[in-house]
């Protein structure tokens, strides 16, 4: 089953490309800030695909299992209708750490909170758009960028040969 909601997005005027080395450095910084908090989490909730690398990185170091949710809200640079492809069953009353690449519009986090109203969340993000409010009690991010910036992550490079 899929669910959809409408959205609007800000115009993108610049691009920033994140290297693998920069990702590693940012993820290590988040790990050191999260390590003292790890006991409060049941698991990491990973929004696919953007949250995959950060979730994997933190899961291995924090010793937390990962639950995957597949939802999309972008087509290229443009925001699009929200589609939820699949979602895990989360424990009512438990707290989860959402790991994602960027806190941009905040719509993904709002959708997750809507889908799991009986659970609590904190968030860890590589980037946060400066203009966005922080949606959780603990919202950690490595860097801030203006909302007009499109961040291109290493895992989005479709030209990579394997």
C-alpha atoms as a PDB file:
ATOM      1  CA  UNK A   1       0.000   0.000   0.000  1.00  0.00           C
ATOM      2  CA  UNK A   2       1.243   3.523  -0.769  1.00  0.00           C
ATOM      3  CA  UNK A   3       0.212   6.767   0.870  1.00  0.00           C
ATOM      4  CA  UNK A   4       0.570  10.211  -0.717  1.00  0.00           C
ATOM      5  CA  UNK A   5       0.497  13.837   0.441  1.00  0.00           C
ATOM      6  CA  UNK A   6       1.218  17.000  -1.569  1.00  0.00           C
ATOM      7  CA  UNK A   7       4.179  19.353  -1.020  1.00  0.00           C
ATOM      8  CA  UNK A   8       6.003  22.457  -2.194  1.00  0.00           C
ATOM      9  CA  UNK A   9       9.747  23.100  -2.286  1.00  0.00           C
ATOM     10  CA  UNK A  10      12.138  26.062  -2.308  1.00  0.00           C
ATOM     11  CA  UNK A  11      14.109  26.792  -5.494  1.00  0.00           C
ATOM     12  CA  UNK A  12      17.574  25.221  -5.678  1.00  0.00           C
ATOM     13  CA  UNK A  13      20.256  27.700  -6.748  1.00  0.00           C
ATOM     14  CA  UNK A  14      23.529  25.969  -5.765  1.00  0.00           C
ATOM     15  CA  UNK A  15      24.995  22.477  -5.422  1.00  0.00           C
ATOM     16  CA  UNK A  16      27.411  21.138  -2.828  1.00  0.00           C
ATOM     17  CA  UNK A  17      29.123  17.770  -3.400  1.00  0.00           C
ATOM     18  CA  UNK A  18      30.017  15.738  -0.321  1.00  0.00           C
ATOM     19  CA  UNK A  19      33.090  13.509  -0.619  1.00  0.00           C
ATOM     20  CA  UNK A  20      33.454  10.090   1.008  1.00  0.00           C
ATOM     21  CA  UNK A  21      36.147  11.494   3.312  1.00  0.00           C
ATOM     22  CA  UNK A  22      33.901  14.369   4.417  1.00  0.00           C
ATOM     23  CA  UNK A  23      31.045  11.915   5.034  1.00  0.00           C
ATOM     24  CA  UNK A  24      33.329   9.796   7.232  1.00  0.00           C
ATOM     25  CA  UNK A  25      34.476  12.812   9.241  1.00  0.00           C
ATOM     26  CA  UNK A  26      30.924  14.069   9.747  1.00  0.00           C
ATOM     27  CA  UNK A  27      29.654  10.591  10.710  1.00  0.00           C
ATOM     28  CA  UNK A  28      32.483  10.155  13.245  1.00  0.00           C
ATOM     29  CA  UNK A  29      31.568  13.487  14.803  1.00  0.00           C
ATOM     30  CA  UNK A  30      27.914  12.423  15.109  1.00  0.00           C
ATOM     31  CA  UNK A  31      28.963   9.076  16.587  1.00  0.00           C
ATOM     32  CA  UNK A  32      30.943  10.762  19.372  1.00  0.00           C
ATOM     33  CA  UNK A  33      27.936  12.931  20.231  1.00  0.00           C
ATOM     34  CA  UNK A  34      25.519   9.958  20.154  1.00  0.00           C
ATOM     35  CA  UNK A  35      27.614   7.385  22.009  1.00  0.00           C
ATOM     36  CA  UNK A  36      26.589   8.641  25.495  1.00  0.00           C
ATOM     37  CA  UNK A  37      22.900   8.528  24.421  1.00  0.00           C
ATOM     38  CA  UNK A  38      22.806   5.073  22.809  1.00  0.00           C
ATOM     39  CA  UNK A  39      21.095   3.302  25.728  1.00  0.00           C
ATOM     40  CA  UNK A  40      17.926   5.333  25.190  1.00  0.00           C
ATOM     41  CA  UNK A  41      17.285   3.857  21.709  1.00  0.00           C
ATOM     42  CA  UNK A  42      15.502   0.654  20.771  1.00  0.00           C
ATOM     43  CA  UNK A  43      17.013   0.814  17.281  1.00  0.00           C
ATOM     44  CA  UNK A  44      17.942   3.096  14.419  1.00  0.00           C
ATOM     45  CA  UNK A  45      15.147   3.911  11.965  1.00  0.00           C
ATOM     46  CA  UNK A  46      16.623   4.327   8.492  1.00  0.00           C
ATOM     47  CA  UNK A  47      14.704   6.167   5.765  1.00  0.00           C
ATOM     48  CA  UNK A  48      15.888   4.578   2.523  1.00  0.00           C
ATOM     49  CA  UNK A  49      17.860   5.580   0.530  1.00  0.00           C
ATOM     50  CA  UNK A  50      19.346   8.754   1.971  1.00  0.00           C
ATOM     51  CA  UNK A  51      19.714   7.404   5.484  1.00  0.00           C
ATOM     52  CA  UNK A  52      21.355   4.112   4.548  1.00  0.00           C
ATOM     53  CA  UNK A  53      25.048   4.988   4.834  1.00  0.00           C
ATOM     54  CA  UNK A  54      24.745   7.019   8.030  1.00  0.00           C
ATOM     55  CA  UNK A  55      22.477   4.388   9.616  1.00  0.00           C
ATOM     56  CA  UNK A  56      24.926   1.606   8.767  1.00  0.00           C
ATOM     57  CA  UNK A  57      27.903   3.615  10.020  1.00  0.00           C
ATOM     58  CA  UNK A  58      26.242   4.482  13.345  1.00  0.00           C
ATOM     59  CA  UNK A  59      24.621   1.073  13.836  1.00  0.00           C
ATOM     60  CA  UNK A  60      27.970  -0.706  13.676  1.00  0.00           C
ATOM     61  CA  UNK A  61      29.564   1.672  16.156  1.00  0.00           C
ATOM     62  CA  UNK A  62      26.649   2.113  18.575  1.00  0.00           C
ATOM     63  CA  UNK A  63      25.662  -1.563  18.538  1.00  0.00           C
ATOM     64  CA  UNK A  64      22.050  -0.778  17.597  1.00  0.00           C
ATOM     65  CA  UNK A  65      19.903  -2.755  15.153  1.00  0.00           C
ATOM     66  CA  UNK A  66      18.476  -0.969  12.101  1.00  0.00           C
ATOM     67  CA  UNK A  67      14.846  -0.874  10.973  1.00  0.00           C
ATOM     68  CA  UNK A  68      14.272   0.298   7.382  1.00  0.00           C
ATOM     69  CA  UNK A  69      11.434   2.433   6.076  1.00  0.00           C
ATOM     70  CA  UNK A  70      11.144   3.092   2.337  1.00  0.00           C
ATOM     71  CA  UNK A  71       9.535   6.402   1.478  1.00  0.00           C
ATOM     72  CA  UNK A  72      10.244   8.986  -1.198  1.00  0.00           C
ATOM     73  CA  UNK A  73       9.508  12.659  -1.649  1.00  0.00           C
ATOM     74  CA  UNK A  74      11.912  13.783  -4.376  1.00  0.00           C
ATOM     75  CA  UNK A  75      12.307  13.275  -8.097  1.00  0.00           C
ATOM     76  CA  UNK A  76      15.680  14.718  -9.058  1.00  0.00           C
ATOM     77  CA  UNK A  77      15.981  18.200  -7.539  1.00  0.00           C
ATOM     78  CA  UNK A  78      12.220  18.614  -7.242  1.00  0.00           C
ATOM     79  CA  UNK A  79      10.003  17.775  -4.297  1.00  0.00           C
ATOM     80  CA  UNK A  80       7.166  15.498  -5.293  1.00  0.00           C
ATOM     81  CA  UNK A  81       4.206  13.731  -3.739  1.00  0.00           C
ATOM     82  CA  UNK A  82       5.056  11.607  -0.730  1.00  0.00           C
ATOM     83  CA  UNK A  83       4.978   7.841  -1.272  1.00  0.00           C
ATOM     84  CA  UNK A  84       5.416   5.260   1.510  1.00  0.00           C
ATOM     85  CA  UNK A  85       6.412   1.883   0.008  1.00  0.00           C
ATOM     86  CA  UNK A  86       6.968  -0.099   3.192  1.00  0.00           C
ATOM     87  CA  UNK A  87       7.404   0.507   6.891  1.00  0.00           C
ATOM     88  CA  UNK A  88       8.532  -1.687   9.787  1.00  0.00           C
ATOM     89  CA  UNK A  89       6.495  -2.430  12.891  1.00  0.00           C
ATOM     90  CA  UNK A  90       7.949  -0.337  15.722  1.00  0.00           C
ATOM     91  CA  UNK A  91       7.339  -0.897  19.435  1.00  0.00           C
ATOM     92  CA  UNK A  92       4.798   1.415  20.973  1.00  0.00           C
ATOM     93  CA  UNK A  93       6.400   3.632  23.604  1.00  0.00           C
ATOM     94  CA  UNK A  94       9.959   2.946  22.436  1.00  0.00           C
ATOM     95  CA  UNK A  95      12.430   5.635  21.326  1.00  0.00           C
ATOM     96  CA  UNK A  96      14.211   5.335  17.972  1.00  0.00           C
ATOM     97  CA  UNK A  97      17.076   7.248  16.406  1.00  0.00           C
ATOM     98  CA  UNK A  98      16.256   8.374  12.864  1.00  0.00           C
ATOM     99  CA  UNK A  99      19.414   8.696  10.749  1.00  0.00           C
ATOM    100  CA  UNK A 100      19.112  10.542   7.452  1.00  0.00           C
ATOM    101  CA  UNK A 101      21.376  12.438   5.096  1.00  0.00           C
ATOM    102  CA  UNK A 102      19.636  15.827   5.333  1.00  0.00           C
ATOM    103  CA  UNK A 103      16.911  17.575   7.279  1.00  0.00           C
ATOM    104  CA  UNK A 104      15.595  19.668   4.399  1.00  0.00           C
ATOM    105  CA  UNK A 105      11.861  20.380   4.389  1.00  0.00           C
ATOM    106  CA  UNK A 106      11.138  18.354   7.515  1.00  0.00           C
ATOM    107  CA  UNK A 107       8.387  16.486   5.673  1.00  0.00           C
ATOM    108  CA  UNK A 108      10.043  13.076   5.980  1.00  0.00           C
ATOM    109  CA  UNK A 109      10.326  13.459   9.752  1.00  0.00           C
ATOM    110  CA  UNK A 110       6.726  14.690  10.011  1.00  0.00           C
ATOM    111  CA  UNK A 111       5.533  11.721   7.944  1.00  0.00           C
ATOM    112  CA  UNK A 112       7.446   9.278  10.146  1.00  0.00           C
ATOM    113  CA  UNK A 113       5.997  10.853  13.294  1.00  0.00           C
ATOM    114  CA  UNK A 114       2.530  10.591  11.741  1.00  0.00           C
ATOM    115  CA  UNK A 115       3.046   6.916  10.853  1.00  0.00           C
ATOM    116  CA  UNK A 116       4.388   6.069  14.326  1.00  0.00           C
ATOM    117  CA  UNK A 117       2.481   8.326  16.712  1.00  0.00           C
ATOM    118  CA  UNK A 118       2.980   5.838  19.591  1.00  0.00           C
ATOM    119  CA  UNK A 119       6.811   5.916  19.325  1.00  0.00           C
ATOM    120  CA  UNK A 120       9.340   8.635  20.169  1.00  0.00           C
ATOM    121  CA  UNK A 121      12.218   9.798  17.995  1.00  0.00           C
ATOM    122  CA  UNK A 122      15.497  11.633  18.025  1.00  0.00           C
ATOM    123  CA  UNK A 123      17.339  12.499  14.828  1.00  0.00           C
ATOM    124  CA  UNK A 124      20.883  12.452  13.473  1.00  0.00           C
ATOM    125  CA  UNK A 125      21.575  14.167  10.152  1.00  0.00           C
ATOM    126  CA  UNK A 126      24.654  14.957   8.102  1.00  0.00           C
ATOM    127  CA  UNK A 127      23.146  18.303   7.051  1.00  0.00           C
ATOM    128  CA  UNK A 128      20.360  20.556   8.224  1.00  0.00           C
ATOM    129  CA  UNK A 129      18.881  23.397   6.225  1.00  0.00           C
ATOM    130  CA  UNK A 130      19.443  26.468   8.407  1.00  0.00           C
ATOM    131  CA  UNK A 131      15.833  27.599   8.062  1.00  0.00           C
ATOM    132  CA  UNK A 132      14.372  24.349   9.434  1.00  0.00           C
ATOM    133  CA  UNK A 133      13.255  23.919  12.996  1.00  0.00           C
ATOM    134  CA  UNK A 134      14.533  20.944  14.922  1.00  0.00           C
ATOM    135  CA  UNK A 135      11.776  18.306  15.092  1.00  0.00           C
ATOM    136  CA  UNK A 136      12.912  16.143  18.020  1.00  0.00           C
ATOM    137  CA  UNK A 137      14.069  16.431  21.627  1.00  0.00           C
ATOM    138  CA  UNK A 138      17.569  15.435  20.453  1.00  0.00           C
ATOM    139  CA  UNK A 139      18.279  16.571  16.893  1.00  0.00           C
ATOM    140  CA  UNK A 140      21.932  16.304  15.993  1.00  0.00           C
ATOM    141  CA  UNK A 141      23.491  17.419  12.721  1.00  0.00           C
ATOM    142  CA  UNK A 142      27.050  17.728  11.493  1.00  0.00           C
ATOM    143  CA  UNK A 143      26.676  20.846   9.312  1.00  0.00           C
ATOM    144  CA  UNK A 144      24.146  23.465   8.249  1.00  0.00           C
ATOM    145  CA  UNK A 145      23.470  24.741   4.727  1.00  0.00           C
ATOM    146  CA  UNK A 146      21.091  27.288   3.254  1.00  0.00           C
ATOM    147  CA  UNK A 147      17.830  25.851   1.933  1.00  0.00           C
ATOM    148  CA  UNK A 148      18.755  26.934  -1.610  1.00  0.00           C
ATOM    149  CA  UNK A 149      21.656  24.423  -1.603  1.00  0.00           C
ATOM    150  CA  UNK A 150      21.230  20.942  -3.065  1.00  0.00           C
ATOM    151  CA  UNK A 151      23.681  18.569  -1.384  1.00  0.00           C
ATOM    152  CA  UNK A 152      24.914  15.817  -3.703  1.00  0.00           C
ATOM    153  CA  UNK A 153      25.933  12.762  -1.683  1.00  0.00           C
ATOM    154  CA  UNK A 154      28.509  10.179  -2.859  1.00  0.00           C
ATOM    155  CA  UNK A 155      25.871   7.433  -3.038  1.00  0.00           C
ATOM    156  CA  UNK A 156      23.876   9.498  -5.547  1.00  0.00           C
ATOM    157  CA  UNK A 157      26.631   9.341  -8.169  1.00  0.00           C
ATOM    158  CA  UNK A 158      25.135   7.081 -10.834  1.00  0.00           C
ATOM    159  CA  UNK A 159      28.303   7.203 -12.933  1.00  0.00           C
ATOM    160  CA  UNK A 160      30.247   5.040 -10.463  1.00  0.00           C
ATOM    161  CA  UNK A 161      31.401   1.756 -12.016  1.00  0.00           C
ATOM    162  CA  UNK A 162      31.377  -1.368  -9.865  1.00  0.00           C
END
